[in-house]
Amino acid sequence: MRRRAAGALLGAMALLTAGCGIRGTSVPVDAGPAPSRASCQAPEPGRSAEGEGRVSVRIYLLCTSRILSVSRTTQLTDEKTPPKPLEIAQALLEQLREPPSAAEEGAGFSTAVEDWVKISGPAKGDPDDALRLNRLPEELQSYALAQIVCTLAETSAADSAHRVVLGGPDAERDPLKRYECTEEMRRHPEIAVNSGVLVS
């Protein structure tokens, strides 16, 4: 009787352990972060709204840990003359401050550029291509700075080498620095804050 009882007990234990299909272990397993569902595929731009001065532009938004370009339509100027570099910079910054559209958000895009970020033209004594923020560039989130630099780099708001010259609001105390939108910055936006080179 004892042998039969013991055999039945062992058989029941075997069924229980086989039921889960996973071998137990006492070692903790790090399976890594949960897979992201963000596609990071920029949505197709809709039909551009009609109107003088309304153009298609490209801006950089965050997706997972990178910044990627998306296309939007914005009003740059009501005049027939080409917009000035500062007008372009201000219009693009406004787009960066805008929350992502439903399609952009669905693809995993977001922005780190906050509403308080403003941009103005060169101060007295600055190079013509200089732009000044209302805070030191180093005081912005690195992701936000990377978005601004890469968005402006391919426009007339950048210098001839596609570098963006930025400084803080105080022309006497805040030195200008040149920022370049590199592939490394696009892949690792956290480096943006320390990437500026002083303008001599």
N, C-alpha and C. Protein backbone atom coordinates (compact mmCIF):
# COMPACT_ATOMS: atom_id res chain seq x y z
N MET A 1 0.82 -1.20 0.00
CA MET A 1 0.00 0.00 0.00
C MET A 1 0.86 1.25 0.00
N ARG A 2 1.93 1.21 0.86
CA ARG A 2 2.78 2.40 0.94
C ARG A 2 3.46 2.68 -0.40
N ARG A 3 3.89 1.57 -1.07
CA ARG A 3 4.56 1.76 -2.36
C ARG A 3 3.61 2.36 -3.39
N ARG A 4 2.35 1.86 -3.39
CA ARG A 4 1.37 2.37 -4.35
C ARG A 4 1.03 3.84 -4.08
N ALA A 5 0.93 4.20 -2.78
CA ALA A 5 0.65 5.59 -2.43
C ALA A 5 1.78 6.51 -2.85
N ALA A 6 3.01 6.02 -2.60
CA ALA A 6 4.17 6.83 -2.98
C ALA A 6 4.24 7.01 -4.50
N GLY A 7 3.93 5.93 -5.24
CA GLY A 7 3.95 6.02 -6.70
C GLY A 7 2.90 6.99 -7.22
N ALA A 8 1.72 6.95 -6.60
CA ALA A 8 0.66 7.87 -7.03
C ALA A 8 1.05 9.32 -6.76
N LEU A 9 1.70 9.57 -5.61
CA LEU A 9 2.13 10.92 -5.26
C LEU A 9 3.16 11.43 -6.25
N LEU A 10 4.12 10.58 -6.59
CA LEU A 10 5.15 10.98 -7.56
C LEU A 10 4.54 11.26 -8.93
N GLY A 11 3.55 10.42 -9.31
CA GLY A 11 2.89 10.64 -10.60
C GLY A 11 2.16 11.96 -10.64
N ALA A 12 1.49 12.33 -9.54
CA ALA A 12 0.77 13.60 -9.47
C ALA A 12 1.73 14.77 -9.56
N MET A 13 2.87 14.69 -8.89
CA MET A 13 3.87 15.75 -8.94
C MET A 13 4.43 15.91 -10.35
N ALA A 14 4.62 14.77 -11.03
CA ALA A 14 5.14 14.84 -12.40
C ALA A 14 4.16 15.55 -13.33
N LEU A 15 2.87 15.27 -13.15
CA LEU A 15 1.86 15.93 -13.98
C LEU A 15 1.82 17.42 -13.72
N LEU A 16 1.95 17.83 -12.45
CA LEU A 16 1.91 19.25 -12.11
C LEU A 16 3.10 20.00 -12.71
N THR A 17 4.28 19.42 -12.60
CA THR A 17 5.48 20.11 -13.12
C THR A 17 5.49 20.11 -14.63
N ALA A 18 4.91 19.08 -15.25
CA ALA A 18 4.90 19.05 -16.72
C ALA A 18 3.86 19.98 -17.30
N GLY A 19 2.87 20.36 -16.50
CA GLY A 19 1.77 21.16 -17.01
C GLY A 19 2.19 22.54 -17.48
N CYS A 20 3.19 23.17 -16.80
CA CYS A 20 3.55 24.53 -17.18
C CYS A 20 4.44 24.58 -18.40
N GLY A 21 5.17 23.48 -18.65
CA GLY A 21 6.01 23.44 -19.84
C GLY A 21 7.28 24.24 -19.72
N ILE A 22 7.59 24.84 -18.58
CA ILE A 22 8.79 25.64 -18.38
C ILE A 22 9.57 25.07 -17.22
N ARG A 23 10.82 24.80 -17.41
CA ARG A 23 11.64 24.25 -16.35
C ARG A 23 11.95 25.33 -15.32
N GLY A 24 11.72 25.05 -14.08
CA GLY A 24 11.98 26.03 -13.04
C GLY A 24 13.46 26.30 -12.86
N THR A 25 13.78 27.50 -12.39
CA THR A 25 15.16 27.86 -12.11
C THR A 25 15.21 28.81 -10.93
N SER A 26 16.29 28.72 -10.18
CA SER A 26 16.46 29.62 -9.04
C SER A 26 17.23 30.87 -9.42
N VAL A 27 17.70 30.92 -10.68
CA VAL A 27 18.48 32.07 -11.16
C VAL A 27 17.55 33.08 -11.79
N PRO A 28 17.56 34.37 -11.33
CA PRO A 28 16.69 35.38 -11.96
C PRO A 28 17.09 35.60 -13.41
N VAL A 29 16.10 35.72 -14.28
CA VAL A 29 16.34 35.88 -15.71
C VAL A 29 15.97 37.30 -16.12
N ASP A 30 16.92 38.00 -16.77
CA ASP A 30 16.66 39.34 -17.29
C ASP A 30 16.30 39.22 -18.76
N ALA A 31 15.03 39.37 -19.05
CA ALA A 31 14.58 39.23 -20.45
C ALA A 31 14.70 40.53 -21.22
N GLY A 32 15.22 41.59 -20.57
CA GLY A 32 15.35 42.87 -21.25
C GLY A 32 14.06 43.64 -21.22
N PRO A 33 14.06 44.87 -21.75
CA PRO A 33 12.85 45.69 -21.75
C PRO A 33 11.78 45.08 -22.64
N ALA A 34 10.56 45.41 -22.33
CA ALA A 34 9.46 44.94 -23.17
C ALA A 34 9.61 45.52 -24.57
N PRO A 35 9.31 44.74 -25.61
CA PRO A 35 9.46 45.25 -26.97
C PRO A 35 8.55 46.44 -27.22
N SER A 36 9.10 47.46 -27.89
CA SER A 36 8.32 48.66 -28.18
C SER A 36 7.38 48.40 -29.35
N ARG A 37 6.17 48.95 -29.25
CA ARG A 37 5.22 48.82 -30.33
C ARG A 37 5.29 50.00 -31.28
N ALA A 38 6.18 50.95 -31.00
CA ALA A 38 6.31 52.13 -31.86
C ALA A 38 6.91 51.72 -33.21
N SER A 39 6.24 52.08 -34.29
CA SER A 39 6.75 51.74 -35.62
C SER A 39 7.84 52.70 -36.06
N CYS A 40 7.78 53.94 -35.55
CA CYS A 40 8.72 55.00 -35.94
C CYS A 40 8.70 55.24 -37.45
N GLN A 41 7.60 54.91 -38.08
CA GLN A 41 7.41 55.18 -39.50
C GLN A 41 6.66 56.50 -39.64
N ALA A 42 7.34 57.50 -40.20
CA ALA A 42 6.72 58.81 -40.34
C ALA A 42 5.46 58.69 -41.17
N PRO A 43 4.33 59.21 -40.67
CA PRO A 43 3.09 59.12 -41.45
C PRO A 43 3.17 59.93 -42.73
N GLU A 44 2.45 59.48 -43.73
CA GLU A 44 2.41 60.22 -44.99
C GLU A 44 1.74 61.58 -44.76
N PRO A 45 2.36 62.66 -45.23
CA PRO A 45 1.72 63.97 -45.05
C PRO A 45 0.41 64.06 -45.80
N GLY A 46 -0.55 64.73 -45.20
CA GLY A 46 -1.83 64.91 -45.87
C GLY A 46 -1.70 65.95 -46.98
N ARG A 47 -2.76 66.13 -47.69
CA ARG A 47 -2.75 67.12 -48.76
C ARG A 47 -2.54 68.51 -48.16
N SER A 48 -1.57 69.22 -48.69
CA SER A 48 -1.24 70.54 -48.15
C SER A 48 -2.43 71.49 -48.28
N ALA A 49 -2.68 72.20 -47.20
CA ALA A 49 -3.74 73.19 -47.24
C ALA A 49 -3.35 74.31 -48.19
N GLU A 50 -4.32 74.80 -48.94
CA GLU A 50 -4.02 75.86 -49.89
C GLU A 50 -3.87 77.18 -49.16
N GLY A 51 -3.07 78.05 -49.74
CA GLY A 51 -2.87 79.35 -49.14
C GLY A 51 -1.48 79.86 -49.41
N GLU A 52 -1.39 81.14 -49.65
CA GLU A 52 -0.11 81.74 -49.97
C GLU A 52 0.82 81.66 -48.76
N GLY A 53 2.06 81.25 -48.99
CA GLY A 53 3.04 81.17 -47.91
C GLY A 53 3.01 79.85 -47.17
N ARG A 54 2.10 78.93 -47.52
CA ARG A 54 2.01 77.66 -46.81
C ARG A 54 2.89 76.64 -47.54
N VAL A 55 3.81 76.05 -46.81
CA VAL A 55 4.79 75.16 -47.43
C VAL A 55 4.96 73.89 -46.60
N SER A 56 5.55 72.89 -47.25
CA SER A 56 5.87 71.64 -46.57
C SER A 56 7.25 71.77 -45.92
N VAL A 57 7.37 71.37 -44.67
CA VAL A 57 8.64 71.44 -43.96
C VAL A 57 8.93 70.11 -43.29
N ARG A 58 10.19 69.91 -42.92
CA ARG A 58 10.57 68.69 -42.21
C ARG A 58 11.08 69.09 -40.83
N ILE A 59 10.59 68.40 -39.82
CA ILE A 59 11.06 68.63 -38.46
C ILE A 59 11.48 67.30 -37.86
N TYR A 60 12.25 67.36 -36.79
CA TYR A 60 12.70 66.15 -36.12
C TYR A 60 11.94 65.95 -34.82
N LEU A 61 11.36 64.76 -34.68
CA LEU A 61 10.65 64.37 -33.47
C LEU A 61 11.31 63.16 -32.85
N LEU A 62 10.99 62.92 -31.58
CA LEU A 62 11.52 61.77 -30.88
C LEU A 62 10.71 60.53 -31.19
N CYS A 63 11.40 59.40 -31.33
CA CYS A 63 10.73 58.11 -31.40
C CYS A 63 11.66 57.09 -30.76
N THR A 64 11.19 56.43 -29.72
CA THR A 64 12.02 55.59 -28.85
C THR A 64 13.18 56.45 -28.36
N SER A 65 14.41 56.08 -28.64
CA SER A 65 15.55 56.85 -28.13
C SER A 65 16.25 57.64 -29.23
N ARG A 66 15.61 57.79 -30.40
CA ARG A 66 16.23 58.49 -31.53
C ARG A 66 15.40 59.71 -31.90
N ILE A 67 15.94 60.53 -32.80
CA ILE A 67 15.13 61.57 -33.43
C ILE A 67 15.07 61.27 -34.92
N LEU A 68 13.88 61.42 -35.47
CA LEU A 68 13.63 61.11 -36.87
C LEU A 68 12.82 62.24 -37.50
N SER A 69 12.97 62.43 -38.79
CA SER A 69 12.29 63.54 -39.45
C SER A 69 10.88 63.14 -39.88
N VAL A 70 9.98 64.08 -39.77
CA VAL A 70 8.61 63.92 -40.27
C VAL A 70 8.26 65.16 -41.08
N SER A 71 7.29 65.02 -41.95
CA SER A 71 6.88 66.14 -42.81
C SER A 71 5.61 66.77 -42.27
N ARG A 72 5.59 68.10 -42.28
CA ARG A 72 4.40 68.85 -41.89
C ARG A 72 4.21 70.02 -42.86
N THR A 73 3.05 70.64 -42.76
CA THR A 73 2.76 71.83 -43.54
C THR A 73 2.57 73.01 -42.60
N THR A 74 3.20 74.13 -42.92
CA THR A 74 3.12 75.29 -42.03
C THR A 74 3.04 76.58 -42.83
N GLN A 75 2.61 77.62 -42.18
CA GLN A 75 2.54 78.95 -42.79
C GLN A 75 3.83 79.69 -42.44
N LEU A 76 4.64 79.96 -43.45
CA LEU A 76 5.89 80.65 -43.19
C LEU A 76 5.74 82.16 -43.31
N THR A 77 5.06 82.61 -44.33
CA THR A 77 4.92 84.05 -44.53
C THR A 77 3.71 84.34 -45.40
N ASP A 78 3.15 85.51 -45.22
CA ASP A 78 2.04 85.94 -46.07
C ASP A 78 2.55 86.74 -47.27
N GLU A 79 3.83 87.05 -47.26
CA GLU A 79 4.39 87.88 -48.32
C GLU A 79 4.88 87.02 -49.48
N LYS A 80 5.07 87.66 -50.62
CA LYS A 80 5.56 86.94 -51.79
C LYS A 80 7.08 86.81 -51.78
N THR A 81 7.73 87.57 -50.91
CA THR A 81 9.18 87.48 -50.80
C THR A 81 9.56 86.26 -49.96
N PRO A 82 10.73 85.67 -50.21
CA PRO A 82 11.16 84.50 -49.43
C PRO A 82 11.26 84.85 -47.94
N PRO A 83 10.92 83.93 -47.07
CA PRO A 83 11.03 84.21 -45.63
C PRO A 83 12.47 84.37 -45.19
N LYS A 84 12.68 85.18 -44.19
CA LYS A 84 14.02 85.39 -43.65
C LYS A 84 14.40 84.19 -42.77
N PRO A 85 15.72 83.97 -42.57
CA PRO A 85 16.15 82.84 -41.74
C PRO A 85 15.51 82.81 -40.36
N LEU A 86 15.35 83.99 -39.73
CA LEU A 86 14.73 84.01 -38.41
C LEU A 86 13.27 83.58 -38.49
N GLU A 87 12.56 84.01 -39.54
CA GLU A 87 11.16 83.61 -39.70
C GLU A 87 11.05 82.10 -39.87
N ILE A 88 11.98 81.53 -40.61
CA ILE A 88 12.00 80.08 -40.79
C ILE A 88 12.24 79.40 -39.45
N ALA A 89 13.24 79.88 -38.71
CA ALA A 89 13.58 79.28 -37.42
C ALA A 89 12.39 79.35 -36.45
N GLN A 90 11.72 80.48 -36.42
CA GLN A 90 10.59 80.64 -35.51
C GLN A 90 9.42 79.74 -35.91
N ALA A 91 9.16 79.64 -37.22
CA ALA A 91 8.06 78.79 -37.69
C ALA A 91 8.34 77.32 -37.38
N LEU A 92 9.59 76.90 -37.56
CA LEU A 92 9.94 75.50 -37.30
C LEU A 92 9.92 75.21 -35.80
N LEU A 93 10.37 76.17 -35.00
CA LEU A 93 10.32 75.98 -33.55
C LEU A 93 8.87 75.84 -33.08
N GLU A 94 7.99 76.62 -33.69
CA GLU A 94 6.57 76.51 -33.34
C GLU A 94 6.05 75.11 -33.65
N GLN A 95 6.50 74.55 -34.78
CA GLN A 95 6.09 73.18 -35.13
C GLN A 95 6.65 72.17 -34.12
N LEU A 96 7.86 72.39 -33.66
CA LEU A 96 8.46 71.48 -32.68
C LEU A 96 7.73 71.52 -31.35
N ARG A 97 7.15 72.68 -31.02
CA ARG A 97 6.42 72.80 -29.76
C ARG A 97 5.03 72.17 -29.84
N GLU A 98 4.52 72.00 -31.06
CA GLU A 98 3.18 71.44 -31.24
C GLU A 98 3.15 69.97 -30.82
N PRO A 99 2.08 69.55 -30.16
CA PRO A 99 1.96 68.11 -29.85
C PRO A 99 1.89 67.31 -31.14
N PRO A 100 2.35 66.08 -31.13
CA PRO A 100 2.26 65.25 -32.34
C PRO A 100 0.81 65.06 -32.78
N SER A 101 0.62 64.92 -34.07
CA SER A 101 -0.71 64.60 -34.58
C SER A 101 -1.09 63.19 -34.14
N ALA A 102 -2.34 62.84 -34.35
CA ALA A 102 -2.80 61.50 -33.97
C ALA A 102 -1.99 60.42 -34.71
N ALA A 103 -1.72 60.67 -36.00
CA ALA A 103 -0.95 59.70 -36.78
C ALA A 103 0.49 59.60 -36.28
N GLU A 104 1.08 60.75 -35.96
CA GLU A 104 2.45 60.75 -35.44
C GLU A 104 2.52 60.05 -34.09
N GLU A 105 1.57 60.37 -33.22
CA GLU A 105 1.55 59.75 -31.90
C GLU A 105 1.34 58.24 -32.02
N GLY A 106 0.48 57.83 -32.94
CA GLY A 106 0.24 56.41 -33.14
C GLY A 106 1.48 55.66 -33.60
N ALA A 107 2.37 56.36 -34.31
CA ALA A 107 3.62 55.74 -34.78
C ALA A 107 4.73 55.82 -33.73
N GLY A 108 4.43 56.46 -32.58
CA GLY A 108 5.41 56.50 -31.49
C GLY A 108 6.18 57.79 -31.37
N PHE A 109 5.78 58.85 -32.11
CA PHE A 109 6.52 60.10 -32.08
C PHE A 109 6.07 60.99 -30.92
N SER A 110 7.02 61.78 -30.41
CA SER A 110 6.74 62.76 -29.36
C SER A 110 7.73 63.91 -29.51
N THR A 111 7.55 64.95 -28.71
CA THR A 111 8.49 66.08 -28.74
C THR A 111 8.92 66.44 -27.34
N ALA A 112 10.18 66.85 -27.20
CA ALA A 112 10.71 67.29 -25.91
C ALA A 112 10.80 68.81 -25.84
N VAL A 113 10.44 69.50 -26.93
CA VAL A 113 10.53 70.96 -26.98
C VAL A 113 9.30 71.54 -26.29
N GLU A 114 9.52 72.28 -25.22
CA GLU A 114 8.42 72.80 -24.42
C GLU A 114 7.96 74.17 -24.92
N ASP A 115 6.77 74.57 -24.46
CA ASP A 115 6.15 75.81 -24.94
C ASP A 115 6.96 77.06 -24.64
N TRP A 116 7.74 77.03 -23.57
CA TRP A 116 8.45 78.24 -23.15
C TRP A 116 9.67 78.54 -24.01
N VAL A 117 10.10 77.60 -24.84
CA VAL A 117 11.31 77.80 -25.65
C VAL A 117 11.02 78.81 -26.76
N LYS A 118 11.82 79.87 -26.82
CA LYS A 118 11.68 80.92 -27.83
C LYS A 118 13.02 81.10 -28.54
N ILE A 119 12.95 81.71 -29.71
CA ILE A 119 14.18 81.94 -30.48
C ILE A 119 14.12 83.33 -31.09
N SER A 120 15.29 84.00 -31.11
CA SER A 120 15.38 85.34 -31.70
C SER A 120 16.62 85.42 -32.57
N GLY A 121 16.74 86.54 -33.26
CA GLY A 121 17.85 86.71 -34.19
C GLY A 121 19.14 87.11 -33.51
N PRO A 122 20.17 87.40 -34.31
CA PRO A 122 21.48 87.74 -33.75
C PRO A 122 21.44 89.05 -32.98
N ALA A 123 22.22 89.07 -31.89
CA ALA A 123 22.39 90.30 -31.12
C ALA A 123 23.47 91.15 -31.79
N LYS A 124 23.64 92.36 -31.31
CA LYS A 124 24.66 93.25 -31.86
C LYS A 124 26.03 92.61 -31.70
N GLY A 125 26.76 92.54 -32.78
CA GLY A 125 28.10 91.95 -32.75
C GLY A 125 28.12 90.46 -33.06
N ASP A 126 26.94 89.82 -33.15
CA ASP A 126 26.87 88.40 -33.48
C ASP A 126 27.04 88.20 -34.99
N PRO A 127 27.48 87.01 -35.41
CA PRO A 127 27.45 86.68 -36.84
C PRO A 127 26.01 86.71 -37.36
N ASP A 128 25.86 86.96 -38.65
CA ASP A 128 24.53 87.08 -39.24
C ASP A 128 23.70 85.81 -39.09
N ASP A 129 24.37 84.63 -39.02
CA ASP A 129 23.64 83.37 -38.95
C ASP A 129 23.39 82.92 -37.50
N ALA A 130 23.70 83.78 -36.54
CA ALA A 130 23.50 83.40 -35.13
C ALA A 130 22.03 83.49 -34.75
N LEU A 131 21.63 82.60 -33.86
CA LEU A 131 20.28 82.61 -33.28
C LEU A 131 20.43 82.53 -31.77
N ARG A 132 19.54 83.22 -31.07
CA ARG A 132 19.63 83.21 -29.61
C ARG A 132 18.32 82.69 -29.01
N LEU A 133 18.48 81.74 -28.11
CA LEU A 133 17.35 81.17 -27.39
C LEU A 133 17.09 81.98 -26.12
N ASN A 134 15.91 81.82 -25.54
CA ASN A 134 15.62 82.53 -24.29
C ASN A 134 16.20 81.84 -23.06
N ARG A 135 16.88 80.74 -23.26
CA ARG A 135 17.69 80.08 -22.24
C ARG A 135 18.98 79.63 -22.89
N LEU A 136 20.01 79.39 -22.10
CA LEU A 136 21.22 78.81 -22.65
C LEU A 136 20.90 77.46 -23.29
N PRO A 137 21.49 77.14 -24.42
CA PRO A 137 21.23 75.83 -25.03
C PRO A 137 21.48 74.68 -24.07
N GLU A 138 22.49 74.83 -23.19
CA GLU A 138 22.82 73.76 -22.24
C GLU A 138 21.73 73.56 -21.20
N GLU A 139 20.82 74.53 -21.07
CA GLU A 139 19.76 74.42 -20.08
C GLU A 139 18.52 73.72 -20.64
N LEU A 140 18.51 73.49 -21.94
CA LEU A 140 17.42 72.73 -22.54
C LEU A 140 17.65 71.24 -22.31
N GLN A 141 16.56 70.46 -22.36
CA GLN A 141 16.74 69.02 -22.39
C GLN A 141 17.57 68.67 -23.62
N SER A 142 18.47 67.72 -23.47
CA SER A 142 19.33 67.35 -24.58
C SER A 142 18.52 66.90 -25.80
N TYR A 143 17.43 66.17 -25.55
CA TYR A 143 16.59 65.71 -26.66
C TYR A 143 15.96 66.91 -27.38
N ALA A 144 15.54 67.91 -26.63
CA ALA A 144 14.95 69.10 -27.24
C ALA A 144 15.98 69.85 -28.08
N LEU A 145 17.19 69.98 -27.56
CA LEU A 145 18.25 70.67 -28.30
C LEU A 145 18.58 69.92 -29.58
N ALA A 146 18.64 68.61 -29.52
CA ALA A 146 18.90 67.81 -30.72
C ALA A 146 17.80 68.02 -31.76
N GLN A 147 16.56 68.07 -31.32
CA GLN A 147 15.45 68.32 -32.25
C GLN A 147 15.62 69.67 -32.94
N ILE A 148 15.96 70.69 -32.17
CA ILE A 148 16.10 72.05 -32.72
C ILE A 148 17.26 72.09 -33.71
N VAL A 149 18.40 71.57 -33.31
CA VAL A 149 19.60 71.61 -34.16
C VAL A 149 19.34 70.90 -35.48
N CYS A 150 18.82 69.68 -35.42
CA CYS A 150 18.64 68.90 -36.65
C CYS A 150 17.53 69.47 -37.52
N THR A 151 16.52 70.06 -36.93
CA THR A 151 15.44 70.67 -37.71
C THR A 151 15.95 71.89 -38.47
N LEU A 152 16.80 72.69 -37.83
CA LEU A 152 17.29 73.92 -38.47
C LEU A 152 18.48 73.69 -39.39
N ALA A 153 19.16 72.57 -39.25
CA ALA A 153 20.44 72.37 -39.94
C ALA A 153 20.34 72.43 -41.46
N GLU A 154 19.22 72.00 -42.03
CA GLU A 154 19.09 71.96 -43.49
C GLU A 154 18.33 73.16 -44.03
N THR A 155 18.27 74.24 -43.27
CA THR A 155 17.54 75.44 -43.70
C THR A 155 18.51 76.61 -43.78
N SER A 156 17.99 77.74 -44.25
CA SER A 156 18.82 78.94 -44.33
C SER A 156 19.10 79.53 -42.95
N ALA A 157 18.50 78.96 -41.91
CA ALA A 157 18.80 79.41 -40.55
C ALA A 157 20.14 78.85 -40.06
N ALA A 158 20.73 77.94 -40.80
CA ALA A 158 22.05 77.38 -40.47
C ALA A 158 23.12 78.07 -41.31
N ASP A 159 24.40 77.82 -40.96
CA ASP A 159 25.48 78.42 -41.74
C ASP A 159 25.73 77.60 -43.00
N SER A 160 26.74 77.99 -43.77
CA SER A 160 26.98 77.34 -45.06
C SER A 160 27.40 75.88 -44.92
N ALA A 161 27.86 75.48 -43.73
CA ALA A 161 28.26 74.10 -43.48
C ALA A 161 27.16 73.32 -42.77
N HIS A 162 25.94 73.87 -42.76
CA HIS A 162 24.77 73.24 -42.14
C HIS A 162 24.92 73.09 -40.63
N ARG A 163 25.67 74.00 -40.03
CA ARG A 163 25.78 74.03 -38.58
C ARG A 163 24.90 75.15 -38.04
N VAL A 164 24.34 74.92 -36.87
CA VAL A 164 23.43 75.90 -36.27
C VAL A 164 24.17 76.64 -35.15
N VAL A 165 24.18 77.97 -35.25
CA VAL A 165 24.87 78.80 -34.26
C VAL A 165 23.85 79.28 -33.24
N LEU A 166 24.02 78.84 -32.00
CA LEU A 166 23.05 79.14 -30.94
C LEU A 166 23.74 79.74 -29.72
N GLY A 167 23.02 80.59 -29.03
CA GLY A 167 23.49 81.16 -27.77
C GLY A 167 22.31 81.43 -26.86
N GLY A 168 22.61 81.88 -25.65
CA GLY A 168 21.57 82.25 -24.71
C GLY A 168 21.11 83.68 -24.94
N PRO A 169 20.23 84.19 -24.08
CA PRO A 169 19.63 85.51 -24.31
C PRO A 169 20.55 86.68 -24.03
N ASP A 170 21.57 86.49 -23.20
CA ASP A 170 22.46 87.59 -22.82
C ASP A 170 23.67 87.62 -23.74
N ALA A 171 23.69 88.56 -24.65
CA ALA A 171 24.78 88.62 -25.64
C ALA A 171 26.13 88.88 -25.01
N GLU A 172 26.16 89.55 -23.85
CA GLU A 172 27.44 89.88 -23.21
C GLU A 172 28.01 88.70 -22.44
N ARG A 173 27.14 87.85 -21.91
CA ARG A 173 27.64 86.76 -21.06
C ARG A 173 27.49 85.37 -21.67
N ASP A 174 26.56 85.22 -22.61
CA ASP A 174 26.28 83.89 -23.15
C ASP A 174 27.01 83.70 -24.48
N PRO A 175 28.05 82.89 -24.49
CA PRO A 175 28.81 82.70 -25.73
C PRO A 175 28.02 81.91 -26.76
N LEU A 176 28.33 82.15 -28.01
CA LEU A 176 27.71 81.41 -29.10
C LEU A 176 28.46 80.10 -29.32
N LYS A 177 27.70 79.07 -29.70
CA LYS A 177 28.29 77.77 -30.02
C LYS A 177 27.70 77.25 -31.31
N ARG A 178 28.52 76.49 -32.04
CA ARG A 178 28.05 75.85 -33.26
C ARG A 178 27.68 74.40 -32.97
N TYR A 179 26.52 74.01 -33.46
CA TYR A 179 26.03 72.64 -33.29
C TYR A 179 25.82 72.01 -34.66
N GLU A 180 26.23 70.76 -34.78
CA GLU A 180 26.11 70.04 -36.05
C GLU A 180 25.21 68.83 -35.86
N CYS A 181 24.29 68.65 -36.79
CA CYS A 181 23.38 67.50 -36.74
C CYS A 181 24.06 66.30 -37.39
N THR A 182 24.71 65.49 -36.58
CA THR A 182 25.42 64.31 -37.08
C THR A 182 24.54 63.07 -36.98
N GLU A 183 24.96 62.02 -37.65
CA GLU A 183 24.25 60.75 -37.54
C GLU A 183 24.26 60.25 -36.10
N GLU A 184 25.39 60.48 -35.41
CA GLU A 184 25.47 60.07 -34.01
C GLU A 184 24.45 60.83 -33.15
N MET A 185 24.27 62.12 -33.41
CA MET A 185 23.30 62.89 -32.64
C MET A 185 21.88 62.39 -32.92
N ARG A 186 21.60 62.04 -34.16
CA ARG A 186 20.26 61.54 -34.47
C ARG A 186 19.99 60.21 -33.78
N ARG A 187 21.03 59.39 -33.66
CA ARG A 187 20.87 58.09 -32.99
C ARG A 187 20.94 58.22 -31.47
N HIS A 188 21.72 59.19 -31.01
CA HIS A 188 21.92 59.37 -29.56
C HIS A 188 21.72 60.84 -29.21
N PRO A 189 20.49 61.33 -29.18
CA PRO A 189 20.24 62.76 -28.95
C PRO A 189 20.75 63.27 -27.61
N GLU A 190 21.03 62.36 -26.68
CA GLU A 190 21.49 62.80 -25.37
C GLU A 190 22.85 63.47 -25.41
N ILE A 191 23.58 63.37 -26.53
CA ILE A 191 24.90 63.99 -26.63
C ILE A 191 24.81 65.45 -27.04
N ALA A 192 23.63 65.93 -27.42
CA ALA A 192 23.50 67.26 -28.01
C ALA A 192 24.00 68.37 -27.09
N VAL A 193 23.68 68.29 -25.80
CA VAL A 193 24.02 69.36 -24.86
C VAL A 193 25.53 69.60 -24.79
N ASN A 194 26.31 68.55 -24.95
CA ASN A 194 27.77 68.69 -24.84
C ASN A 194 28.46 68.74 -26.20
N SER A 195 27.72 68.94 -27.28
CA SER A 195 28.31 68.87 -28.60
C SER A 195 28.67 70.23 -29.19
N GLY A 196 28.29 71.31 -28.55
CA GLY A 196 28.55 72.64 -29.09
C GLY A 196 30.01 73.02 -29.08
N VAL A 197 30.43 73.72 -30.13
CA VAL A 197 31.81 74.22 -30.25
C VAL A 197 31.77 75.73 -30.22
N LEU A 198 32.57 76.33 -29.33
CA LEU A 198 32.56 77.78 -29.18
C LEU A 198 32.89 78.49 -30.48
N VAL A 199 32.15 79.54 -30.78
CA VAL A 199 32.42 80.37 -31.93
C VAL A 199 33.51 81.36 -31.58
N SER A 200 34.61 81.29 -32.30
CA SER A 200 35.74 82.16 -31.97
C SER A 200 35.52 83.59 -32.50
